[in-house]
Amino acid sequence: MKPNIGKAILGGFVGTVLLTLMTQFVAPMMTGQKMDMAARLGDMTGAGRLVGMVMHLFTGSVVFALIYVFVFFRFLPGAPWIKGSLSGVILWLGLEIAMMPMIGGGFFSSQIGGMKVAVAALIAHLVYGAALGGIAGGPVAKQS
């Protein structure tokens, strides 16, 4: 059995678009503040919002999708959408523990709204993971 890389990247792209829409439009209704990862990444690199959005889309569509299909899928339990959701939780933990402090948001978003922002990000990452896993599905049988 080998993973379907194309479906994983498509799932990662769809998941990243959904996550981005949630953080741009849904999360502000939940938290009272904007969660603009593209702007934060652009500010962190000094390259601007457009470069931040390209980084965000590439990371979610390719990097994290390939990590899911080659690592997480093998070890996480359940159907593909559940595996994807669990991988979303793992990615969210990485975001809140490592990335948010690096971009000025603090540990578990403590500097930008605390737990309400962290929970909104968790929901967005669950949606990302469910879309990624649901679209990527499972490995396909090798053709002889």
N, C-alpha and C. Protein backbone atom coordinates (compact mmCIF):
# COMPACT_ATOMS: atom_id res chain seq x y z
N MET A 1 0.84 -1.18 0.00
CA MET A 1 0.00 0.00 0.00
C MET A 1 0.88 1.24 0.00
N LYS A 2 0.53 2.19 -0.83
CA LYS A 2 1.27 3.44 -0.84
C LYS A 2 0.28 4.61 -0.73
N PRO A 3 0.70 5.70 -0.11
CA PRO A 3 -0.20 6.84 0.04
C PRO A 3 -0.44 7.54 -1.30
N ASN A 4 -1.60 8.14 -1.42
CA ASN A 4 -1.92 8.92 -2.61
C ASN A 4 -1.52 10.37 -2.34
N ILE A 5 -0.35 10.75 -2.84
CA ILE A 5 0.20 12.07 -2.55
C ILE A 5 -0.65 13.17 -3.15
N GLY A 6 -1.15 12.96 -4.35
CA GLY A 6 -1.99 13.97 -5.00
C GLY A 6 -3.25 14.28 -4.19
N LYS A 7 -3.91 13.22 -3.72
CA LYS A 7 -5.12 13.42 -2.91
C LYS A 7 -4.78 14.08 -1.58
N ALA A 8 -3.62 13.76 -1.02
CA ALA A 8 -3.20 14.38 0.23
C ALA A 8 -2.97 15.87 0.05
N ILE A 9 -2.31 16.25 -1.03
CA ILE A 9 -2.06 17.68 -1.28
C ILE A 9 -3.37 18.40 -1.56
N LEU A 10 -4.26 17.79 -2.30
CA LEU A 10 -5.58 18.39 -2.53
C LEU A 10 -6.31 18.56 -1.21
N GLY A 11 -6.29 17.52 -0.37
CA GLY A 11 -6.93 17.61 0.95
C GLY A 11 -6.30 18.68 1.81
N GLY A 12 -4.97 18.79 1.76
CA GLY A 12 -4.27 19.83 2.50
C GLY A 12 -4.66 21.22 2.02
N PHE A 13 -4.80 21.37 0.71
CA PHE A 13 -5.20 22.67 0.15
C PHE A 13 -6.61 23.04 0.58
N VAL A 14 -7.54 22.11 0.42
CA VAL A 14 -8.93 22.38 0.82
C VAL A 14 -8.99 22.68 2.32
N GLY A 15 -8.29 21.87 3.11
CA GLY A 15 -8.26 22.10 4.56
C GLY A 15 -7.67 23.45 4.91
N THR A 16 -6.61 23.85 4.22
CA THR A 16 -5.98 25.14 4.49
C THR A 16 -6.91 26.29 4.13
N VAL A 17 -7.61 26.16 3.00
CA VAL A 17 -8.57 27.20 2.62
C VAL A 17 -9.68 27.30 3.67
N LEU A 18 -10.21 26.17 4.11
CA LEU A 18 -11.27 26.18 5.14
C LEU A 18 -10.76 26.77 6.45
N LEU A 19 -9.56 26.37 6.87
CA LEU A 19 -8.97 26.91 8.09
C LEU A 19 -8.79 28.42 7.97
N THR A 20 -8.31 28.88 6.84
CA THR A 20 -8.09 30.31 6.63
C THR A 20 -9.40 31.08 6.65
N LEU A 21 -10.42 30.55 6.00
CA LEU A 21 -11.74 31.20 6.03
C LEU A 21 -12.29 31.26 7.45
N MET A 22 -12.09 30.18 8.20
CA MET A 22 -12.57 30.18 9.59
C MET A 22 -11.85 31.21 10.44
N THR A 23 -10.52 31.31 10.27
CA THR A 23 -9.79 32.26 11.11
C THR A 23 -10.04 33.70 10.68
N GLN A 24 -10.40 33.90 9.42
CA GLN A 24 -10.66 35.25 8.94
C GLN A 24 -12.09 35.73 9.23
N PHE A 25 -13.05 34.81 9.17
CA PHE A 25 -14.44 35.23 9.25
C PHE A 25 -15.21 34.67 10.45
N VAL A 26 -14.99 33.41 10.81
CA VAL A 26 -15.74 32.80 11.91
C VAL A 26 -15.11 33.13 13.25
N ALA A 27 -13.79 32.97 13.36
CA ALA A 27 -13.10 33.21 14.63
C ALA A 27 -13.32 34.63 15.17
N PRO A 28 -13.30 35.67 14.33
CA PRO A 28 -13.54 37.00 14.88
C PRO A 28 -14.91 37.14 15.55
N MET A 29 -15.91 36.39 15.06
CA MET A 29 -17.22 36.42 15.71
C MET A 29 -17.17 35.72 17.06
N MET A 30 -16.31 34.71 17.19
CA MET A 30 -16.17 33.96 18.44
C MET A 30 -15.30 34.70 19.45
N THR A 31 -14.26 35.36 18.94
CA THR A 31 -13.24 35.92 19.84
C THR A 31 -13.25 37.43 19.93
N GLY A 32 -13.88 38.09 18.97
CA GLY A 32 -13.86 39.54 18.95
C GLY A 32 -12.61 40.12 18.34
N GLN A 33 -11.76 39.27 17.78
CA GLN A 33 -10.55 39.77 17.12
C GLN A 33 -10.18 38.92 15.91
N LYS A 34 -9.47 39.55 15.00
CA LYS A 34 -9.04 38.92 13.77
C LYS A 34 -7.86 37.98 14.04
N MET A 35 -7.84 36.86 13.34
CA MET A 35 -6.73 35.90 13.44
C MET A 35 -6.12 35.78 12.04
N ASP A 36 -5.23 36.67 11.69
CA ASP A 36 -4.67 36.73 10.34
C ASP A 36 -3.27 36.14 10.32
N MET A 37 -3.19 34.82 10.07
CA MET A 37 -1.89 34.13 10.07
C MET A 37 -1.00 34.63 8.94
N ALA A 38 -1.57 34.95 7.80
CA ALA A 38 -0.75 35.43 6.69
C ALA A 38 -0.03 36.72 7.08
N ALA A 39 -0.75 37.63 7.72
CA ALA A 39 -0.14 38.89 8.15
C ALA A 39 0.93 38.63 9.21
N ARG A 40 0.64 37.74 10.15
CA ARG A 40 1.62 37.44 11.20
C ARG A 40 2.88 36.80 10.63
N LEU A 41 2.71 35.85 9.70
CA LEU A 41 3.87 35.23 9.06
C LEU A 41 4.65 36.25 8.24
N GLY A 42 3.92 37.10 7.53
CA GLY A 42 4.57 38.15 6.75
C GLY A 42 5.34 39.13 7.62
N ASP A 43 4.76 39.50 8.76
CA ASP A 43 5.44 40.39 9.70
C ASP A 43 6.68 39.71 10.29
N MET A 44 6.54 38.43 10.63
CA MET A 44 7.65 37.70 11.24
C MET A 44 8.85 37.62 10.29
N THR A 45 8.57 37.42 9.00
CA THR A 45 9.65 37.29 8.02
C THR A 45 10.06 38.62 7.43
N GLY A 46 9.24 39.65 7.64
CA GLY A 46 9.52 40.96 7.05
C GLY A 46 9.22 41.01 5.56
N ALA A 47 8.53 39.99 5.05
CA ALA A 47 8.28 39.90 3.62
C ALA A 47 6.88 40.34 3.21
N GLY A 48 6.03 40.66 4.16
CA GLY A 48 4.69 41.13 3.84
C GLY A 48 3.63 40.05 3.85
N ARG A 49 2.38 40.50 3.82
CA ARG A 49 1.22 39.62 3.94
C ARG A 49 1.12 38.61 2.79
N LEU A 50 1.41 39.04 1.56
CA LEU A 50 1.30 38.14 0.42
C LEU A 50 2.25 36.94 0.56
N VAL A 51 3.48 37.21 0.93
CA VAL A 51 4.45 36.13 1.15
C VAL A 51 3.99 35.27 2.33
N GLY A 52 3.44 35.90 3.37
CA GLY A 52 2.91 35.15 4.50
C GLY A 52 1.80 34.21 4.08
N MET A 53 0.92 34.65 3.16
CA MET A 53 -0.17 33.79 2.68
C MET A 53 0.38 32.64 1.85
N VAL A 54 1.39 32.90 1.02
CA VAL A 54 2.00 31.83 0.23
C VAL A 54 2.62 30.79 1.17
N MET A 55 3.33 31.26 2.21
CA MET A 55 3.93 30.35 3.19
C MET A 55 2.85 29.52 3.87
N HIS A 56 1.77 30.17 4.29
CA HIS A 56 0.66 29.50 4.98
C HIS A 56 0.03 28.44 4.07
N LEU A 57 -0.26 28.79 2.82
CA LEU A 57 -0.87 27.84 1.89
C LEU A 57 0.07 26.68 1.57
N PHE A 58 1.35 26.97 1.34
CA PHE A 58 2.31 25.91 1.04
C PHE A 58 2.47 24.96 2.22
N THR A 59 2.59 25.52 3.41
CA THR A 59 2.78 24.68 4.59
C THR A 59 1.58 23.76 4.80
N GLY A 60 0.38 24.31 4.74
CA GLY A 60 -0.82 23.50 4.95
C GLY A 60 -1.11 22.54 3.83
N SER A 61 -0.87 22.99 2.59
CA SER A 61 -1.22 22.18 1.43
C SER A 61 -0.20 21.09 1.14
N VAL A 62 1.07 21.37 1.37
CA VAL A 62 2.11 20.42 1.00
C VAL A 62 2.82 19.83 2.22
N VAL A 63 3.43 20.67 3.03
CA VAL A 63 4.26 20.16 4.13
C VAL A 63 3.43 19.33 5.11
N PHE A 64 2.39 19.92 5.68
CA PHE A 64 1.60 19.19 6.68
C PHE A 64 0.81 18.04 6.05
N ALA A 65 0.40 18.19 4.78
CA ALA A 65 -0.31 17.09 4.10
C ALA A 65 0.61 15.89 3.92
N LEU A 66 1.87 16.14 3.58
CA LEU A 66 2.81 15.02 3.42
C LEU A 66 3.19 14.40 4.76
N ILE A 67 3.31 15.22 5.79
CA ILE A 67 3.55 14.67 7.13
C ILE A 67 2.38 13.79 7.54
N TYR A 68 1.16 14.25 7.26
CA TYR A 68 -0.02 13.45 7.58
C TYR A 68 0.05 12.10 6.86
N VAL A 69 0.25 12.12 5.55
CA VAL A 69 0.14 10.90 4.76
C VAL A 69 1.30 9.93 5.02
N PHE A 70 2.49 10.45 5.32
CA PHE A 70 3.63 9.56 5.53
C PHE A 70 3.90 9.19 6.99
N VAL A 71 3.38 10.00 7.93
CA VAL A 71 3.66 9.74 9.35
C VAL A 71 2.38 9.51 10.13
N PHE A 72 1.55 10.53 10.24
CA PHE A 72 0.37 10.44 11.09
C PHE A 72 -0.59 9.33 10.68
N PHE A 73 -0.80 9.16 9.36
CA PHE A 73 -1.77 8.16 8.91
C PHE A 73 -1.40 6.77 9.41
N ARG A 74 -0.13 6.48 9.51
CA ARG A 74 0.31 5.14 9.92
C ARG A 74 0.06 4.85 11.39
N PHE A 75 0.06 5.91 12.22
CA PHE A 75 0.04 5.69 13.67
C PHE A 75 -1.25 6.10 14.37
N LEU A 76 -2.03 6.97 13.77
CA LEU A 76 -3.24 7.44 14.43
C LEU A 76 -4.40 6.47 14.18
N PRO A 77 -5.28 6.32 15.17
CA PRO A 77 -6.39 5.37 15.04
C PRO A 77 -7.57 5.96 14.27
N GLY A 78 -8.43 5.06 13.79
CA GLY A 78 -9.71 5.47 13.22
C GLY A 78 -9.73 5.60 11.71
N ALA A 79 -10.90 6.05 11.24
CA ALA A 79 -11.11 6.28 9.82
C ALA A 79 -10.24 7.47 9.38
N PRO A 80 -10.01 7.61 8.07
CA PRO A 80 -9.15 8.70 7.62
C PRO A 80 -9.54 10.10 8.13
N TRP A 81 -10.83 10.42 8.19
CA TRP A 81 -11.20 11.75 8.66
C TRP A 81 -10.90 11.91 10.15
N ILE A 82 -10.97 10.81 10.91
CA ILE A 82 -10.61 10.87 12.33
C ILE A 82 -9.10 11.03 12.48
N LYS A 83 -8.35 10.25 11.69
CA LYS A 83 -6.88 10.39 11.70
C LYS A 83 -6.51 11.83 11.35
N GLY A 84 -7.18 12.39 10.35
CA GLY A 84 -6.92 13.77 9.96
C GLY A 84 -7.25 14.75 11.08
N SER A 85 -8.38 14.55 11.74
CA SER A 85 -8.76 15.42 12.85
C SER A 85 -7.74 15.35 13.99
N LEU A 86 -7.29 14.13 14.30
CA LEU A 86 -6.27 13.97 15.34
C LEU A 86 -4.96 14.64 14.93
N SER A 87 -4.62 14.55 13.65
CA SER A 87 -3.41 15.23 13.19
C SER A 87 -3.59 16.73 13.29
N GLY A 88 -4.81 17.23 13.08
CA GLY A 88 -5.10 18.65 13.26
C GLY A 88 -4.86 19.09 14.70
N VAL A 89 -5.22 18.24 15.64
CA VAL A 89 -4.97 18.54 17.06
C VAL A 89 -3.46 18.60 17.33
N ILE A 90 -2.72 17.68 16.75
CA ILE A 90 -1.26 17.68 16.92
C ILE A 90 -0.66 18.96 16.34
N LEU A 91 -1.12 19.34 15.15
CA LEU A 91 -0.63 20.58 14.53
C LEU A 91 -1.00 21.80 15.38
N TRP A 92 -2.22 21.80 15.92
CA TRP A 92 -2.67 22.91 16.77
C TRP A 92 -1.77 23.01 18.01
N LEU A 93 -1.45 21.88 18.62
CA LEU A 93 -0.55 21.91 19.79
C LEU A 93 0.80 22.52 19.42
N GLY A 94 1.33 22.13 18.25
CA GLY A 94 2.58 22.71 17.79
C GLY A 94 2.46 24.22 17.58
N LEU A 95 1.34 24.63 17.01
CA LEU A 95 1.09 26.06 16.81
C LEU A 95 1.08 26.80 18.13
N GLU A 96 0.31 26.31 19.08
CA GLU A 96 0.12 27.03 20.35
C GLU A 96 1.35 26.98 21.26
N ILE A 97 2.12 25.90 21.17
CA ILE A 97 3.29 25.76 22.04
C ILE A 97 4.54 26.41 21.43
N ALA A 98 4.72 26.29 20.12
CA ALA A 98 5.95 26.78 19.50
C ALA A 98 5.75 28.01 18.62
N MET A 99 4.80 27.92 17.69
CA MET A 99 4.67 28.99 16.69
C MET A 99 4.11 30.28 17.27
N MET A 100 3.06 30.21 18.05
CA MET A 100 2.46 31.44 18.59
C MET A 100 3.47 32.24 19.42
N PRO A 101 4.25 31.63 20.29
CA PRO A 101 5.26 32.43 20.99
C PRO A 101 6.28 33.07 20.03
N MET A 102 6.64 32.37 18.95
CA MET A 102 7.61 32.91 17.99
C MET A 102 7.07 34.13 17.24
N ILE A 103 5.76 34.16 16.99
CA ILE A 103 5.19 35.28 16.23
C ILE A 103 4.53 36.32 17.12
N GLY A 104 4.79 36.24 18.42
CA GLY A 104 4.30 37.27 19.34
C GLY A 104 2.94 37.03 19.94
N GLY A 105 2.38 35.83 19.71
CA GLY A 105 1.05 35.54 20.26
C GLY A 105 1.07 34.97 21.66
N GLY A 106 2.24 34.53 22.11
CA GLY A 106 2.36 33.95 23.44
C GLY A 106 1.97 32.49 23.47
N PHE A 107 2.35 31.83 24.57
CA PHE A 107 2.05 30.42 24.81
C PHE A 107 0.54 30.25 24.90
N PHE A 108 -0.03 29.37 24.10
CA PHE A 108 -1.48 29.18 23.98
C PHE A 108 -2.20 30.51 23.79
N SER A 109 -1.65 31.33 22.90
CA SER A 109 -2.25 32.60 22.47
C SER A 109 -2.48 33.57 23.62
N SER A 110 -1.69 33.46 24.68
CA SER A 110 -1.91 34.28 25.87
C SER A 110 -1.78 35.78 25.63
N GLN A 111 -1.04 36.19 24.60
CA GLN A 111 -0.86 37.61 24.34
C GLN A 111 -1.89 38.18 23.36
N ILE A 112 -2.71 37.32 22.77
CA ILE A 112 -3.67 37.80 21.77
C ILE A 112 -5.10 37.32 22.04
N GLY A 113 -5.43 37.11 23.28
CA GLY A 113 -6.80 36.72 23.60
C GLY A 113 -6.94 35.46 24.40
N GLY A 114 -5.86 34.75 24.63
CA GLY A 114 -5.89 33.59 25.50
C GLY A 114 -6.68 32.41 24.96
N MET A 115 -7.37 31.74 25.87
CA MET A 115 -8.02 30.47 25.53
C MET A 115 -9.12 30.61 24.50
N LYS A 116 -9.82 31.73 24.44
CA LYS A 116 -10.87 31.84 23.41
C LYS A 116 -10.25 31.84 22.01
N VAL A 117 -9.07 32.43 21.86
CA VAL A 117 -8.37 32.40 20.57
C VAL A 117 -7.80 31.00 20.34
N ALA A 118 -7.24 30.39 21.38
CA ALA A 118 -6.69 29.05 21.25
C ALA A 118 -7.78 28.04 20.87
N VAL A 119 -8.96 28.16 21.46
CA VAL A 119 -10.06 27.24 21.15
C VAL A 119 -10.56 27.47 19.72
N ALA A 120 -10.64 28.72 19.30
CA ALA A 120 -11.03 29.01 17.92
C ALA A 120 -10.02 28.39 16.95
N ALA A 121 -8.74 28.48 17.27
CA ALA A 121 -7.70 27.88 16.43
C ALA A 121 -7.82 26.36 16.45
N LEU A 122 -8.17 25.78 17.59
CA LEU A 122 -8.37 24.33 17.68
C LEU A 122 -9.49 23.89 16.75
N ILE A 123 -10.60 24.59 16.78
CA ILE A 123 -11.74 24.24 15.92
C ILE A 123 -11.32 24.32 14.45
N ALA A 124 -10.60 25.38 14.09
CA ALA A 124 -10.14 25.53 12.71
C ALA A 124 -9.21 24.40 12.31
N HIS A 125 -8.33 23.96 13.23
CA HIS A 125 -7.41 22.87 12.92
C HIS A 125 -8.13 21.52 12.86
N LEU A 126 -9.20 21.35 13.62
CA LEU A 126 -10.01 20.13 13.49
C LEU A 126 -10.67 20.07 12.12
N VAL A 127 -11.18 21.20 11.65
CA VAL A 127 -11.78 21.26 10.31
C VAL A 127 -10.71 20.97 9.25
N TYR A 128 -9.53 21.60 9.40
CA TYR A 128 -8.42 21.34 8.47
C TYR A 128 -8.13 19.84 8.41
N GLY A 129 -7.94 19.24 9.56
CA GLY A 129 -7.58 17.83 9.61
C GLY A 129 -8.65 16.91 9.06
N ALA A 130 -9.91 17.21 9.37
CA ALA A 130 -11.01 16.38 8.86
C ALA A 130 -11.08 16.45 7.34
N ALA A 131 -10.89 17.66 6.79
CA ALA A 131 -10.89 17.82 5.33
C ALA A 131 -9.69 17.09 4.72
N LEU A 132 -8.53 17.26 5.31
CA LEU A 132 -7.32 16.60 4.82
C LEU A 132 -7.51 15.08 4.82
N GLY A 133 -7.89 14.52 5.96
CA GLY A 133 -8.06 13.07 6.06
C GLY A 133 -9.18 12.55 5.18
N GLY A 134 -10.29 13.29 5.16
CA GLY A 134 -11.43 12.85 4.36
C GLY A 134 -11.13 12.81 2.87
N ILE A 135 -10.39 13.80 2.38
CA ILE A 135 -10.06 13.84 0.96
C ILE A 135 -8.89 12.91 0.64
N ALA A 136 -7.88 12.90 1.50
CA ALA A 136 -6.71 12.04 1.25
C ALA A 136 -7.09 10.57 1.31
N GLY A 137 -8.02 10.22 2.20
CA GLY A 137 -8.41 8.83 2.35
C GLY A 137 -7.25 7.98 2.84
N GLY A 138 -7.28 6.72 2.51
CA GLY A 138 -6.24 5.80 2.93
C GLY A 138 -5.27 5.50 1.79
N PRO A 139 -4.25 4.73 2.10
CA PRO A 139 -3.29 4.35 1.05
C PRO A 139 -3.97 3.52 -0.03
N VAL A 140 -3.43 3.58 -1.22
CA VAL A 140 -3.96 2.79 -2.33
C VAL A 140 -3.04 1.60 -2.56
N ALA A 141 -3.63 0.51 -3.06
CA ALA A 141 -2.83 -0.68 -3.33
C ALA A 141 -1.88 -0.41 -4.51
N LYS A 142 -0.67 -0.92 -4.37
CA LYS A 142 0.31 -0.77 -5.45
C LYS A 142 -0.16 -1.61 -6.64
N GLN A 143 0.00 -1.03 -7.82
CA GLN A 143 -0.38 -1.76 -9.02
C GLN A 143 0.82 -2.55 -9.54
N SER A 144 0.58 -3.79 -9.90
CA SER A 144 1.69 -4.63 -10.35
C SER A 144 1.96 -4.44 -11.81
